[in-house]
Amino acid sequence: MVLDVLFCHVDDFCQEFEAKWPEKLLNHGEQQRHRAKNLFLSETMTILIGFHQNHFQNCQHFYLYQVLGVVK
């Protein structure tokens, strides 16, 4: 599956999931950190799913050659 198509499916899922996620969390009375993120959840999940669907030696090679498009 092409990364663009995969991303569209994952992004649709993540939009629904992230809207409902805070309702399901247990609150222990502690203040939670909300750190700034570099990638959205859907982007991270797309990279991981794409990596597992391909036959790269490691995630670094997949990210460099498939995601960033660096020529071998």
C-alpha atoms as a PDB file:
ATOM      1  CA  MET A   1       0.000   0.000   0.000  1.00  0.00           C
ATOM      2  CA  VAL A   2       1.334   3.437  -0.891  1.00  0.00           C
ATOM      3  CA  LEU A   3       2.163   5.642   2.098  1.00  0.00           C
ATOM      4  CA  ASP A   4      -0.276   8.361   0.965  1.00  0.00           C
ATOM      5  CA  VAL A   5      -3.236   5.987   0.939  1.00  0.00           C
ATOM      6  CA  LEU A   6      -2.167   4.375   4.192  1.00  0.00           C
ATOM      7  CA  PHE A   7      -1.826   7.806   5.813  1.00  0.00           C
ATOM      8  CA  CYS A   8      -5.376   8.771   4.817  1.00  0.00           C
ATOM      9  CA  HIS A   9      -6.802   5.660   6.497  1.00  0.00           C
ATOM     10  CA  VAL A  10      -4.675   6.054   9.613  1.00  0.00           C
ATOM     11  CA  ASP A  11      -5.453   9.772   9.875  1.00  0.00           C
ATOM     12  CA  ASP A  12      -9.202   9.119   9.707  1.00  0.00           C
ATOM     13  CA  PHE A  13      -8.851   6.571  12.506  1.00  0.00           C
ATOM     14  CA  CYS A  14      -6.684   8.874  14.635  1.00  0.00           C
ATOM     15  CA  GLN A  15      -9.094  11.795  14.364  1.00  0.00           C
ATOM     16  CA  GLU A  16     -11.891   9.681  15.837  1.00  0.00           C
ATOM     17  CA  PHE A  17      -9.618   7.985  18.370  1.00  0.00           C
ATOM     18  CA  GLU A  18      -8.010  11.158  19.707  1.00  0.00           C
ATOM     19  CA  ALA A  19     -11.417  12.804  20.163  1.00  0.00           C
ATOM     20  CA  LYS A  20     -12.624   9.940  22.394  1.00  0.00           C
ATOM     21  CA  TRP A  21      -9.320   9.138  24.145  1.00  0.00           C
ATOM     22  CA  PRO A  22      -9.463  11.794  26.940  1.00  0.00           C
ATOM     23  CA  GLU A  23     -12.892  10.495  28.030  1.00  0.00           C
ATOM     24  CA  LYS A  24     -11.456   7.016  28.685  1.00  0.00           C
ATOM     25  CA  LEU A  25      -8.364   8.062  30.657  1.00  0.00           C
ATOM     26  CA  LEU A  26      -8.272   7.475  34.392  1.00  0.00           C
ATOM     27  CA  ASN A  27      -7.472  10.553  36.453  1.00  0.00           C
ATOM     28  CA  HIS A  28      -5.253   9.951  39.474  1.00  0.00           C
ATOM     29  CA  GLY A  29      -5.352  13.577  40.594  1.00  0.00           C
ATOM     30  CA  GLU A  30      -1.867  14.231  39.278  1.00  0.00           C
ATOM     31  CA  GLN A  31      -1.081  16.984  36.833  1.00  0.00           C
ATOM     32  CA  GLN A  32      -0.133  15.608  33.424  1.00  0.00           C
ATOM     33  CA  ARG A  33       2.483  17.075  31.097  1.00  0.00           C
ATOM     34  CA  HIS A  34       1.472  17.974  27.579  1.00  0.00           C
ATOM     35  CA  ARG A  35       4.722  18.216  25.671  1.00  0.00           C
ATOM     36  CA  ALA A  36       5.018  19.704  22.213  1.00  0.00           C
ATOM     37  CA  LYS A  37       5.130  17.014  19.525  1.00  0.00           C
ATOM     38  CA  ASN A  38       7.192  16.940  16.352  1.00  0.00           C
ATOM     39  CA  LEU A  39       4.905  14.483  14.550  1.00  0.00           C
ATOM     40  CA  PHE A  40       1.186  13.867  14.795  1.00  0.00           C
ATOM     41  CA  LEU A  41       0.027  10.472  16.037  1.00  0.00           C
ATOM     42  CA  SER A  42      -1.228   9.579  12.548  1.00  0.00           C
ATOM     43  CA  GLU A  43       2.185  10.353  11.020  1.00  0.00           C
ATOM     44  CA  THR A  44       3.997   8.198  13.574  1.00  0.00           C
ATOM     45  CA  MET A  45       1.561   5.309  13.143  1.00  0.00           C
ATOM     46  CA  THR A  46       1.821   5.505   9.337  1.00  0.00           C
ATOM     47  CA  ILE A  47       5.610   5.269   9.494  1.00  0.00           C
ATOM     48  CA  LEU A  48       5.470   2.276  11.848  1.00  0.00           C
ATOM     49  CA  ILE A  49       2.802   0.427   9.848  1.00  0.00           C
ATOM     50  CA  GLY A  50       4.668   1.117   6.608  1.00  0.00           C
ATOM     51  CA  PHE A  51       7.884  -0.177   8.142  1.00  0.00           C
ATOM     52  CA  HIS A  52       6.251  -3.432   9.211  1.00  0.00           C
ATOM     53  CA  GLN A  53       4.727  -3.924   5.745  1.00  0.00           C
ATOM     54  CA  ASN A  54       8.102  -3.576   4.002  1.00  0.00           C
ATOM     55  CA  HIS A  55      11.270  -5.640   4.202  1.00  0.00           C
ATOM     56  CA  PHE A  56      13.821  -3.108   5.357  1.00  0.00           C
ATOM     57  CA  GLN A  57      16.637  -4.115   7.702  1.00  0.00           C
ATOM     58  CA  ASN A  58      15.715  -1.522  10.301  1.00  0.00           C
ATOM     59  CA  CYS A  59      13.490   1.477  10.867  1.00  0.00           C
ATOM     60  CA  GLN A  60      16.279   3.942  10.053  1.00  0.00           C
ATOM     61  CA  HIS A  61      16.728   2.539   6.531  1.00  0.00           C
ATOM     62  CA  PHE A  62      12.964   2.572   5.977  1.00  0.00           C
ATOM     63  CA  TYR A  63      12.668   6.180   7.155  1.00  0.00           C
ATOM     64  CA  LEU A  64      15.587   7.397   5.048  1.00  0.00           C
ATOM     65  CA  TYR A  65      14.764   5.562   1.822  1.00  0.00           C
ATOM     66  CA  GLN A  66      10.975   5.193   1.873  1.00  0.00           C
ATOM     67  CA  VAL A  67       9.717   8.157   3.896  1.00  0.00           C
ATOM     68  CA  LEU A  68      12.322  10.820   3.089  1.00  0.00           C
ATOM     69  CA  GLY A  69      13.091   9.403  -0.357  1.00  0.00           C
ATOM     70  CA  VAL A  70      16.886   9.447  -0.071  1.00  0.00           C
ATOM     71  CA  VAL A  71      18.416   7.741  -3.091  1.00  0.00           C
ATOM     72  CA  LYS A  72      20.370   4.551  -2.283  1.00  0.00           C
END
